[in-house]
Amino acid sequence: MGIPLMIQKKDNERIEHLKKDFGIEKKIDVIRMALSLMEKEAQRIARVRRWKHAAKLVANNSHKVNKEFQRHSRIKED
């Protein structure tokens, strides 16, 4: 048996409502579902943070390379 969890009355009502909406039998399954969703969101946030960091690292070099391609372009902008 796990550790008992102290739940406020309002939270208990919310869990019961979700149990009915999703057809879930146990409260713990509702909590596990919520934890899974939160973990996925945390992973997504971490992934976006890594992408932004990587983009920031290559942005300056990318800008230089793009300028170099523009110099040799056949289409000249006036």
C-alpha atoms as a PDB file:
ATOM      1  CA  MET A   1       0.000   0.000   0.000  1.00  0.00           C
ATOM      2  CA  GLY A   2       1.236   3.493  -0.830  1.00  0.00           C
ATOM      3  CA  ILE A   3       1.437   6.650   1.197  1.00  0.00           C
ATOM      4  CA  PRO A   4      -1.920   8.275   2.005  1.00  0.00           C
ATOM      5  CA  LEU A   5      -2.517  11.613   0.318  1.00  0.00           C
ATOM      6  CA  MET A   6      -4.342  14.444   2.072  1.00  0.00           C
ATOM      7  CA  ILE A   7      -6.746  15.973  -0.442  1.00  0.00           C
ATOM      8  CA  GLN A   8      -8.865  19.089   0.039  1.00  0.00           C
ATOM      9  CA  LYS A   9     -12.622  18.702  -0.384  1.00  0.00           C
ATOM     10  CA  LYS A  10     -12.675  20.827  -3.572  1.00  0.00           C
ATOM     11  CA  ASP A  11      -9.842  18.794  -5.081  1.00  0.00           C
ATOM     12  CA  ASN A  12     -11.631  15.569  -4.222  1.00  0.00           C
ATOM     13  CA  GLU A  13     -14.742  16.837  -6.028  1.00  0.00           C
ATOM     14  CA  ARG A  14     -12.639  17.725  -9.069  1.00  0.00           C
ATOM     15  CA  ILE A  15     -11.097  14.255  -9.081  1.00  0.00           C
ATOM     16  CA  GLU A  16     -14.511  12.619  -8.782  1.00  0.00           C
ATOM     17  CA  HIS A  17     -15.779  14.730 -11.687  1.00  0.00           C
ATOM     18  CA  LEU A  18     -12.804  13.683 -13.821  1.00  0.00           C
ATOM     19  CA  LYS A  19     -13.345  10.038 -12.884  1.00  0.00           C
ATOM     20  CA  LYS A  20     -16.873  10.247 -14.276  1.00  0.00           C
ATOM     21  CA  ASP A  21     -15.808  12.173 -17.403  1.00  0.00           C
ATOM     22  CA  PHE A  22     -13.056   9.714 -18.316  1.00  0.00           C
ATOM     23  CA  GLY A  23     -14.734   6.562 -17.018  1.00  0.00           C
ATOM     24  CA  ILE A  24     -11.914   5.896 -14.577  1.00  0.00           C
ATOM     25  CA  GLU A  25     -12.514   3.707 -11.527  1.00  0.00           C
ATOM     26  CA  LYS A  26      -9.801   4.861  -9.123  1.00  0.00           C
ATOM     27  CA  LYS A  27      -8.687   8.290  -7.946  1.00  0.00           C
ATOM     28  CA  ILE A  28      -5.058   7.307  -8.259  1.00  0.00           C
ATOM     29  CA  ASP A  29      -5.545   6.682 -11.973  1.00  0.00           C
ATOM     30  CA  VAL A  30      -6.776  10.271 -12.396  1.00  0.00           C
ATOM     31  CA  ILE A  31      -3.721  11.519 -10.511  1.00  0.00           C
ATOM     32  CA  ARG A  32      -1.393   9.330 -12.586  1.00  0.00           C
ATOM     33  CA  MET A  33      -2.971  10.665 -15.774  1.00  0.00           C
ATOM     34  CA  ALA A  34      -2.415  14.238 -14.578  1.00  0.00           C
ATOM     35  CA  LEU A  35       1.189  13.475 -13.625  1.00  0.00           C
ATOM     36  CA  SER A  36       1.853  11.966 -17.056  1.00  0.00           C
ATOM     37  CA  LEU A  37       0.494  15.086 -18.756  1.00  0.00           C
ATOM     38  CA  MET A  38       2.593  17.320 -16.530  1.00  0.00           C
ATOM     39  CA  GLU A  39       5.727  15.272 -17.259  1.00  0.00           C
ATOM     40  CA  LYS A  40       5.105  15.541 -21.015  1.00  0.00           C
ATOM     41  CA  GLU A  41       4.649  19.305 -20.707  1.00  0.00           C
ATOM     42  CA  ALA A  42       7.862  19.606 -18.673  1.00  0.00           C
ATOM     43  CA  GLN A  43       9.712  17.623 -21.360  1.00  0.00           C
ATOM     44  CA  ARG A  44       8.279  19.873 -24.063  1.00  0.00           C
ATOM     45  CA  ILE A  45       9.363  23.002 -22.181  1.00  0.00           C
ATOM     46  CA  ALA A  46      12.886  21.595 -21.746  1.00  0.00           C
ATOM     47  CA  ARG A  47      13.045  20.673 -25.447  1.00  0.00           C
ATOM     48  CA  VAL A  48      11.978  24.189 -26.511  1.00  0.00           C
ATOM     49  CA  ARG A  49      14.548  25.678 -24.128  1.00  0.00           C
ATOM     50  CA  ARG A  50      17.287  23.530 -25.746  1.00  0.00           C
ATOM     51  CA  TRP A  51      16.136  24.548 -29.255  1.00  0.00           C
ATOM     52  CA  LYS A  52      16.212  28.236 -28.347  1.00  0.00           C
ATOM     53  CA  HIS A  53      19.685  27.844 -26.874  1.00  0.00           C
ATOM     54  CA  ALA A  54      20.936  26.017 -29.983  1.00  0.00           C
ATOM     55  CA  ALA A  55      19.389  28.634 -32.271  1.00  0.00           C
ATOM     56  CA  LYS A  56      21.058  31.408 -30.286  1.00  0.00           C
ATOM     57  CA  LEU A  57      24.444  29.665 -30.615  1.00  0.00           C
ATOM     58  CA  VAL A  58      24.277  29.362 -34.402  1.00  0.00           C
ATOM     59  CA  ALA A  59      22.412  32.594 -35.202  1.00  0.00           C
ATOM     60  CA  ASN A  60      25.498  34.777 -35.678  1.00  0.00           C
ATOM     61  CA  ASN A  61      27.281  32.265 -37.894  1.00  0.00           C
ATOM     62  CA  SER A  62      24.098  31.601 -39.858  1.00  0.00           C
ATOM     63  CA  HIS A  63      23.711  35.315 -40.519  1.00  0.00           C
ATOM     64  CA  LYS A  64      27.292  35.493 -41.873  1.00  0.00           C
ATOM     65  CA  VAL A  65      26.729  32.509 -44.176  1.00  0.00           C
ATOM     66  CA  ASN A  66      23.487  33.974 -45.517  1.00  0.00           C
ATOM     67  CA  LYS A  67      25.223  37.281 -46.288  1.00  0.00           C
ATOM     68  CA  GLU A  68      27.959  35.376 -48.137  1.00  0.00           C
ATOM     69  CA  PHE A  69      25.357  33.631 -50.316  1.00  0.00           C
ATOM     70  CA  GLN A  70      23.682  36.955 -51.077  1.00  0.00           C
ATOM     71  CA  ARG A  71      26.941  38.437 -52.399  1.00  0.00           C
ATOM     72  CA  HIS A  72      27.255  35.705 -55.015  1.00  0.00           C
ATOM     73  CA  SER A  73      23.596  35.616 -55.956  1.00  0.00           C
ATOM     74  CA  ARG A  74      22.702  36.121 -59.610  1.00  0.00           C
ATOM     75  CA  ILE A  75      19.659  38.094 -58.557  1.00  0.00           C
ATOM     76  CA  LYS A  76      20.822  41.473 -57.357  1.00  0.00           C
ATOM     77  CA  GLU A  77      18.610  43.576 -55.172  1.00  0.00           C
ATOM     78  CA  ASP A  78      18.843  47.314 -55.733  1.00  0.00           C
END
